[in-house]
PDB file of all heavy atoms in Angstrom:
ATOM      1  N   ILE A   1       0.822  -1.242   0.045  1.00  0.00           N
ATOM      2  CA  ILE A   1      -0.083  -0.016  -0.002  1.00  0.00           C
ATOM      3  C   ILE A   1       0.863   1.266   0.008  1.00  0.00           C
ATOM      4  O   ILE A   1       0.364   2.392  -0.019  1.00  0.00           O
ATOM      5  CB  ILE A   1      -1.067   0.071   1.196  1.00  0.00           C
ATOM      6  CG1 ILE A   1      -0.295   0.267   2.404  1.00  0.00           C
ATOM      7  CG2 ILE A   1      -1.835  -1.307   1.261  1.00  0.00           C
ATOM      8  CD1 ILE A   1      -1.170   0.647   3.595  1.00  0.00           C
ATOM      9  N   GLY A   2       2.139   1.095  -0.010  1.00  0.00           N
ATOM     10  CA  GLY A   2       3.041   2.292  -0.080  1.00  0.00           C
ATOM     11  C   GLY A   2       3.045   2.859  -1.555  1.00  0.00           C
ATOM     12  O   GLY A   2       2.528   2.419  -2.468  1.00  0.00           O
ATOM     13  N   GLY A   3       3.839   3.991  -1.567  1.00  0.00           N
ATOM     14  CA  GLY A   3       3.996   4.736  -2.860  1.00  0.00           C
ATOM     15  C   GLY A   3       3.077   5.786  -3.104  1.00  0.00           C
ATOM     16  O   GLY A   3       3.311   6.602  -4.176  1.00  0.00           O
ATOM     17  N   TYR A   4       2.070   6.016  -2.352  1.00  0.00           N
ATOM     18  CA  TYR A   4       1.095   7.178  -2.578  1.00  0.00           C
ATOM     19  C   TYR A   4       1.638   8.456  -2.087  1.00  0.00           C
ATOM     20  O   TYR A   4       2.189   8.556  -0.966  1.00  0.00           O
ATOM     21  CB  TYR A   4      -0.286   6.758  -1.955  1.00  0.00           C
ATOM     22  CG  TYR A   4      -0.891   5.570  -2.718  1.00  0.00           C
ATOM     23  CD1 TYR A   4      -0.595   4.272  -2.326  1.00  0.00           C
ATOM     24  CD2 TYR A   4      -1.652   5.852  -3.830  1.00  0.00           C
ATOM     25  CE1 TYR A   4      -1.204   3.217  -3.042  1.00  0.00           C
ATOM     26  CE2 TYR A   4      -2.239   4.681  -4.542  1.00  0.00           C
ATOM     27  CZ  TYR A   4      -2.037   3.442  -4.149  1.00  0.00           C
ATOM     28  OH  TYR A   4      -2.481   2.372  -4.861  1.00  0.00           O
ATOM     29  N   PRO A   5       1.303   9.539  -2.846  1.00  0.00           N
ATOM     30  CA  PRO A   5       1.909  10.863  -2.450  1.00  0.00           C
ATOM     31  C   PRO A   5       1.160  11.451  -1.243  1.00  0.00           C
ATOM     32  O   PRO A   5      -0.031  11.157  -1.040  1.00  0.00           O
ATOM     33  CB  PRO A   5       1.676  11.684  -3.623  1.00  0.00           C
ATOM     34  CG  PRO A   5       0.567  11.054  -4.393  1.00  0.00           C
ATOM     35  CD  PRO A   5       0.724   9.605  -4.114  1.00  0.00           C
ATOM     36  N   ILE A   6       1.858  12.227  -0.447  1.00  0.00           N
ATOM     37  CA  ILE A   6       1.358  12.891   0.689  1.00  0.00           C
ATOM     38  C   ILE A   6       0.853  14.266   0.360  1.00  0.00           C
ATOM     39  O   ILE A   6       1.576  15.090  -0.278  1.00  0.00           O
ATOM     40  CB  ILE A   6       2.345  13.010   1.777  1.00  0.00           C
ATOM     41  CG1 ILE A   6       3.116  11.753   2.182  1.00  0.00           C
ATOM     42  CG2 ILE A   6       1.755  13.752   3.034  1.00  0.00           C
ATOM     43  CD1 ILE A   6       2.172  10.664   2.539  1.00  0.00           C
ATOM     44  N   ALA A   7      -0.444  14.521   0.437  1.00  0.00           N
ATOM     45  CA  ALA A   7      -1.075  15.652  -0.106  1.00  0.00           C
ATOM     46  C   ALA A   7      -0.523  16.980   0.250  1.00  0.00           C
ATOM     47  O   ALA A   7      -0.302  17.979  -0.537  1.00  0.00           O
ATOM     48  CB  ALA A   7      -2.600  15.604   0.148  1.00  0.00           C
ATOM     49  N   SER A   8      -0.175  17.113   1.500  1.00  0.00           N
ATOM     50  CA  SER A   8       0.390  18.416   2.049  1.00  0.00           C
ATOM     51  C   SER A   8       1.883  18.479   2.086  1.00  0.00           C
ATOM     52  O   SER A   8       2.333  19.560   2.514  1.00  0.00           O
ATOM     53  CB  SER A   8      -0.240  18.684   3.508  1.00  0.00           C
ATOM     54  OG  SER A   8       0.294  17.542   4.265  1.00  0.00           O
ATOM     55  N   LEU A   9       2.552  17.469   1.582  1.00  0.00           N
ATOM     56  CA  LEU A   9       4.015  17.404   1.599  1.00  0.00           C
ATOM     57  C   LEU A   9       4.487  16.967   0.252  1.00  0.00           C
ATOM     58  O   LEU A   9       4.830  15.904  -0.083  1.00  0.00           O
ATOM     59  CB  LEU A   9       4.544  16.449   2.631  1.00  0.00           C
ATOM     60  CG  LEU A   9       4.189  16.697   4.074  1.00  0.00           C
ATOM     61  CD1 LEU A   9       4.626  15.591   4.971  1.00  0.00           C
ATOM     62  CD2 LEU A   9       4.782  17.994   4.585  1.00  0.00           C
ATOM     63  N   PRO A  10       4.619  18.018  -0.747  1.00  0.00           N
ATOM     64  CA  PRO A  10       5.105  17.734  -2.022  1.00  0.00           C
ATOM     65  C   PRO A  10       6.508  16.983  -1.937  1.00  0.00           C
ATOM     66  O   PRO A  10       7.392  17.424  -1.164  1.00  0.00           O
ATOM     67  CB  PRO A  10       5.213  19.048  -2.669  1.00  0.00           C
ATOM     68  CG  PRO A  10       4.317  19.945  -1.965  1.00  0.00           C
ATOM     69  CD  PRO A  10       4.266  19.488  -0.569  1.00  0.00           C
ATOM     70  N   GLY A  11       6.722  16.034  -2.812  1.00  0.00           N
ATOM     71  CA  GLY A  11       7.970  15.237  -2.773  1.00  0.00           C
ATOM     72  C   GLY A  11       8.128  14.214  -1.792  1.00  0.00           C
ATOM     73  O   GLY A  11       9.118  13.599  -1.636  1.00  0.00           O
ATOM     74  N   LYS A  12       6.946  13.983  -1.046  1.00  0.00           N
ATOM     75  CA  LYS A  12       6.847  12.867   0.004  1.00  0.00           C
ATOM     76  C   LYS A  12       5.836  11.824  -0.400  1.00  0.00           C
ATOM     77  O   LYS A  12       4.877  12.166  -1.042  1.00  0.00           O
ATOM     78  CB  LYS A  12       6.655  13.396   1.385  1.00  0.00           C
ATOM     79  CG  LYS A  12       7.656  14.453   1.790  1.00  0.00           C
ATOM     80  CD  LYS A  12       8.954  13.797   2.189  1.00  0.00           C
ATOM     81  CE  LYS A  12       9.859  14.807   2.883  1.00  0.00           C
ATOM     82  NZ  LYS A  12      11.193  14.084   3.269  1.00  0.00           N
ATOM     83  N   MET A  13       6.150  10.551   0.089  1.00  0.00           N
ATOM     84  CA  MET A  13       5.083   9.592  -0.169  1.00  0.00           C
ATOM     85  C   MET A  13       5.100   8.547   1.014  1.00  0.00           C
ATOM     86  O   MET A  13       5.955   8.687   1.871  1.00  0.00           O
ATOM     87  CB  MET A  13       5.387   8.842  -1.500  1.00  0.00           C
ATOM     88  CG  MET A  13       6.694   7.912  -1.423  1.00  0.00           C
ATOM     89  SD  MET A  13       7.035   6.922  -2.918  1.00  0.00           S
ATOM     90  CE  MET A  13       8.286   5.807  -2.305  1.00  0.00           C
ATOM     91  N   VAL A  14       4.182   7.644   0.914  1.00  0.00           N
ATOM     92  CA  VAL A  14       4.109   6.549   1.869  1.00  0.00           C
ATOM     93  C   VAL A  14       5.142   5.464   1.636  1.00  0.00           C
ATOM     94  O   VAL A  14       5.383   5.081   0.447  1.00  0.00           O
ATOM     95  CB  VAL A  14       2.678   5.878   1.891  1.00  0.00           C
ATOM     96  CG1 VAL A  14       2.698   4.720   2.923  1.00  0.00           C
ATOM     97  CG2 VAL A  14       1.631   6.954   2.175  1.00  0.00           C
ATOM     98  N   ARG A  15       5.913   5.153   2.657  1.00  0.00           N
ATOM     99  CA  ARG A  15       7.049   4.278   2.520  1.00  0.00           C
ATOM    100  C   ARG A  15       6.634   2.881   1.901  1.00  0.00           C
ATOM    101  O   ARG A  15       5.580   2.326   2.373  1.00  0.00           O
ATOM    102  CB  ARG A  15       7.656   4.068   3.953  1.00  0.00           C
ATOM    103  CG  ARG A  15       8.876   3.090   3.985  1.00  0.00           C
ATOM    104  CD  ARG A  15       9.454   3.167   5.338  1.00  0.00           C
ATOM    105  NE  ARG A  15      10.408   2.168   5.573  1.00  0.00           N
ATOM    106  CZ  ARG A  15      11.003   1.817   6.782  1.00  0.00           C
ATOM    107  NH1 ARG A  15      10.404   2.506   7.941  1.00  0.00           N
ATOM    108  NH2 ARG A  15      11.870   0.971   6.996  1.00  0.00           N
ATOM    109  N   GLN A  16       7.365   2.381   1.060  1.00  0.00           N
ATOM    110  CA  GLN A  16       6.979   1.070   0.477  1.00  0.00           C
ATOM    111  C   GLN A  16       7.672  -0.046   1.334  1.00  0.00           C
ATOM    112  O   GLN A  16       8.672   0.171   1.924  1.00  0.00           O
ATOM    113  CB  GLN A  16       7.405   1.045  -0.976  1.00  0.00           C
ATOM    114  CG  GLN A  16       6.509   2.016  -1.887  1.00  0.00           C
ATOM    115  CD  GLN A  16       7.070   1.932  -3.246  1.00  0.00           C
ATOM    116  OE1 GLN A  16       8.217   2.485  -3.605  1.00  0.00           O
ATOM    117  NE2 GLN A  16       6.201   1.363  -4.172  1.00  0.00           N
ATOM    118  N   GLY A  17       7.123  -1.268   1.091  1.00  0.00           N
ATOM    119  CA  GLY A  17       7.834  -2.409   1.661  1.00  0.00           C
ATOM    120  C   GLY A  17       7.568  -2.584   3.110  1.00  0.00           C
ATOM    121  O   GLY A  17       8.283  -3.383   3.792  1.00  0.00           O
ATOM    122  N   ILE A  18       6.565  -1.929   3.727  1.00  0.00           N
ATOM    123  CA  ILE A  18       6.242  -2.007   5.143  1.00  0.00           C
ATOM    124  C   ILE A  18       4.862  -2.555   5.350  1.00  0.00           C
ATOM    125  O   ILE A  18       4.667  -3.572   6.131  1.00  0.00           O
ATOM    126  CB  ILE A  18       6.326  -0.678   5.781  1.00  0.00           C
ATOM    127  CG1 ILE A  18       7.791  -0.115   5.776  1.00  0.00           C
ATOM    128  CG2 ILE A  18       5.857  -0.740   7.225  1.00  0.00           C
ATOM    129  CD1 ILE A  18       8.673  -0.990   6.511  1.00  0.00           C
ATOM    130  N   VAL A  19       3.782  -2.106   4.672  1.00  0.00           N
ATOM    131  CA  VAL A  19       2.449  -2.582   4.933  1.00  0.00           C
ATOM    132  C   VAL A  19       1.991  -3.293   3.511  1.00  0.00           C
ATOM    133  O   VAL A  19       1.856  -2.644   2.530  1.00  0.00           O
ATOM    134  CB  VAL A  19       1.533  -1.434   5.247  1.00  0.00           C
ATOM    135  CG1 VAL A  19       0.125  -1.960   5.505  1.00  0.00           C
ATOM    136  CG2 VAL A  19       1.950  -0.682   6.503  1.00  0.00           C
ATOM    137  N   PHE A  20       1.673  -4.519   3.688  1.00  0.00           N
ATOM    138  CA  PHE A  20       1.133  -5.388   2.657  1.00  0.00           C
ATOM    139  C   PHE A  20      -0.263  -5.783   2.955  1.00  0.00           C
ATOM    140  O   PHE A  20      -0.549  -5.931   4.169  1.00  0.00           O
ATOM    141  CB  PHE A  20       2.046  -6.561   2.279  1.00  0.00           C
ATOM    142  CG  PHE A  20       3.483  -6.199   1.763  1.00  0.00           C
ATOM    143  CD1 PHE A  20       4.505  -5.945   2.740  1.00  0.00           C
ATOM    144  CD2 PHE A  20       3.723  -6.110   0.474  1.00  0.00           C
ATOM    145  CE1 PHE A  20       5.744  -5.716   2.305  1.00  0.00           C
ATOM    146  CE2 PHE A  20       5.023  -5.769   0.048  1.00  0.00           C
ATOM    147  CZ  PHE A  20       5.943  -5.597   0.990  1.00  0.00           C
ATOM    148  N   ARG A  21      -1.098  -5.974   1.963  1.00  0.00           N
ATOM    149  CA  ARG A  21      -2.379  -6.585   2.237  1.00  0.00           C
ATOM    150  C   ARG A  21      -2.671  -7.619   1.161  1.00  0.00           C
ATOM    151  O   ARG A  21      -2.050  -7.699   0.090  1.00  0.00           O
ATOM    152  CB  ARG A  21      -3.427  -5.412   2.096  1.00  0.00           C
ATOM    153  CG  ARG A  21      -3.423  -4.692   0.620  1.00  0.00           C
ATOM    154  CD  ARG A  21      -4.492  -3.581   0.526  1.00  0.00           C
ATOM    155  NE  ARG A  21      -5.855  -4.133   0.643  1.00  0.00           N
ATOM    156  CZ  ARG A  21      -6.836  -3.259   0.677  1.00  0.00           C
ATOM    157  NH1 ARG A  21      -6.716  -1.925   0.530  1.00  0.00           N
ATOM    158  NH2 ARG A  21      -8.119  -3.744   0.717  1.00  0.00           N
ATOM    159  N   SER A  22      -3.710  -8.531   1.505  1.00  0.00           N
ATOM    160  CA  SER A  22      -3.998  -9.647   0.695  1.00  0.00           C
ATOM    161  C   SER A  22      -5.263 -10.299   1.085  1.00  0.00           C
ATOM    162  O   SER A  22      -5.886  -9.993   2.015  1.00  0.00           O
ATOM    163  CB  SER A  22      -2.830 -10.663   0.763  1.00  0.00           C
ATOM    164  OG  SER A  22      -2.897 -11.423   1.902  1.00  0.00           O
ATOM    165  N   ALA A  23      -5.629 -11.241   0.194  1.00  0.00           N
ATOM    166  CA  ALA A  23      -6.774 -12.121   0.601  1.00  0.00           C
ATOM    167  C   ALA A  23      -6.052 -13.208   1.586  1.00  0.00           C
ATOM    168  O   ALA A  23      -4.859 -13.176   1.688  1.00  0.00           O
ATOM    169  CB  ALA A  23      -7.299 -12.854  -0.656  1.00  0.00           C
ATOM    170  N   GLU A  24      -6.866 -14.060   2.141  1.00  0.00           N
ATOM    171  CA  GLU A  24      -6.389 -14.904   3.164  1.00  0.00           C
ATOM    172  C   GLU A  24      -5.381 -15.924   2.466  1.00  0.00           C
ATOM    173  O   GLU A  24      -5.551 -16.376   1.321  1.00  0.00           O
ATOM    174  CB  GLU A  24      -7.489 -15.762   3.802  1.00  0.00           C
ATOM    175  CG  GLU A  24      -8.273 -16.676   2.929  1.00  0.00           C
ATOM    176  CD  GLU A  24      -7.804 -18.092   2.916  1.00  0.00           C
ATOM    177  OE1 GLU A  24      -6.864 -18.424   3.672  1.00  0.00           O
ATOM    178  OE2 GLU A  24      -8.250 -18.913   2.052  1.00  0.00           O
ATOM    179  N   PRO A  25      -4.282 -16.209   3.117  1.00  0.00           N
ATOM    180  CA  PRO A  25      -3.163 -16.927   2.492  1.00  0.00           C
ATOM    181  C   PRO A  25      -2.973 -18.406   2.795  1.00  0.00           C
ATOM    182  O   PRO A  25      -1.831 -18.929   2.754  1.00  0.00           O
ATOM    183  CB  PRO A  25      -1.957 -16.037   3.019  1.00  0.00           C
ATOM    184  CG  PRO A  25      -2.355 -15.837   4.473  1.00  0.00           C
ATOM    185  CD  PRO A  25      -3.848 -15.585   4.316  1.00  0.00           C
ATOM    186  N   SER A  26      -4.135 -19.017   3.103  1.00  0.00           N
ATOM    187  CA  SER A  26      -3.943 -20.439   3.590  1.00  0.00           C
ATOM    188  C   SER A  26      -3.415 -21.399   2.462  1.00  0.00           C
ATOM    189  O   SER A  26      -2.893 -22.448   2.813  1.00  0.00           O
ATOM    190  CB  SER A  26      -5.268 -20.902   4.111  1.00  0.00           C
ATOM    191  OG  SER A  26      -6.267 -20.952   3.147  1.00  0.00           O
ATOM    192  N   LYS A  27      -3.591 -21.056   1.273  1.00  0.00           N
ATOM    193  CA  LYS A  27      -3.120 -21.823   0.136  1.00  0.00           C
ATOM    194  C   LYS A  27      -1.757 -21.629  -0.238  1.00  0.00           C
ATOM    195  O   LYS A  27      -1.269 -22.121  -1.195  1.00  0.00           O
ATOM    196  CB  LYS A  27      -4.099 -21.767  -0.999  1.00  0.00           C
ATOM    197  CG  LYS A  27      -5.441 -22.227  -0.867  1.00  0.00           C
ATOM    198  CD  LYS A  27      -6.294 -22.042  -2.097  1.00  0.00           C
ATOM    199  CE  LYS A  27      -7.659 -22.643  -1.927  1.00  0.00           C
ATOM    200  NZ  LYS A  27      -8.428 -22.004  -0.796  1.00  0.00           N
ATOM    201  N   ALA A  28      -1.019 -20.713   0.523  1.00  0.00           N
ATOM    202  CA  ALA A  28       0.405 -20.526   0.167  1.00  0.00           C
ATOM    203  C   ALA A  28       1.290 -21.737   0.476  1.00  0.00           C
ATOM    204  O   ALA A  28       1.195 -22.209   1.666  1.00  0.00           O
ATOM    205  CB  ALA A  28       0.810 -19.253   1.096  1.00  0.00           C
TER     206      ALA A  28
END
């Protein structure tokens, strides 16, 4: 979910590689 720009801070974004989301992973 990272990579999105911060509206009030030009040149800044949400850090990548920290928060991941998915469907349930029982078949992994």
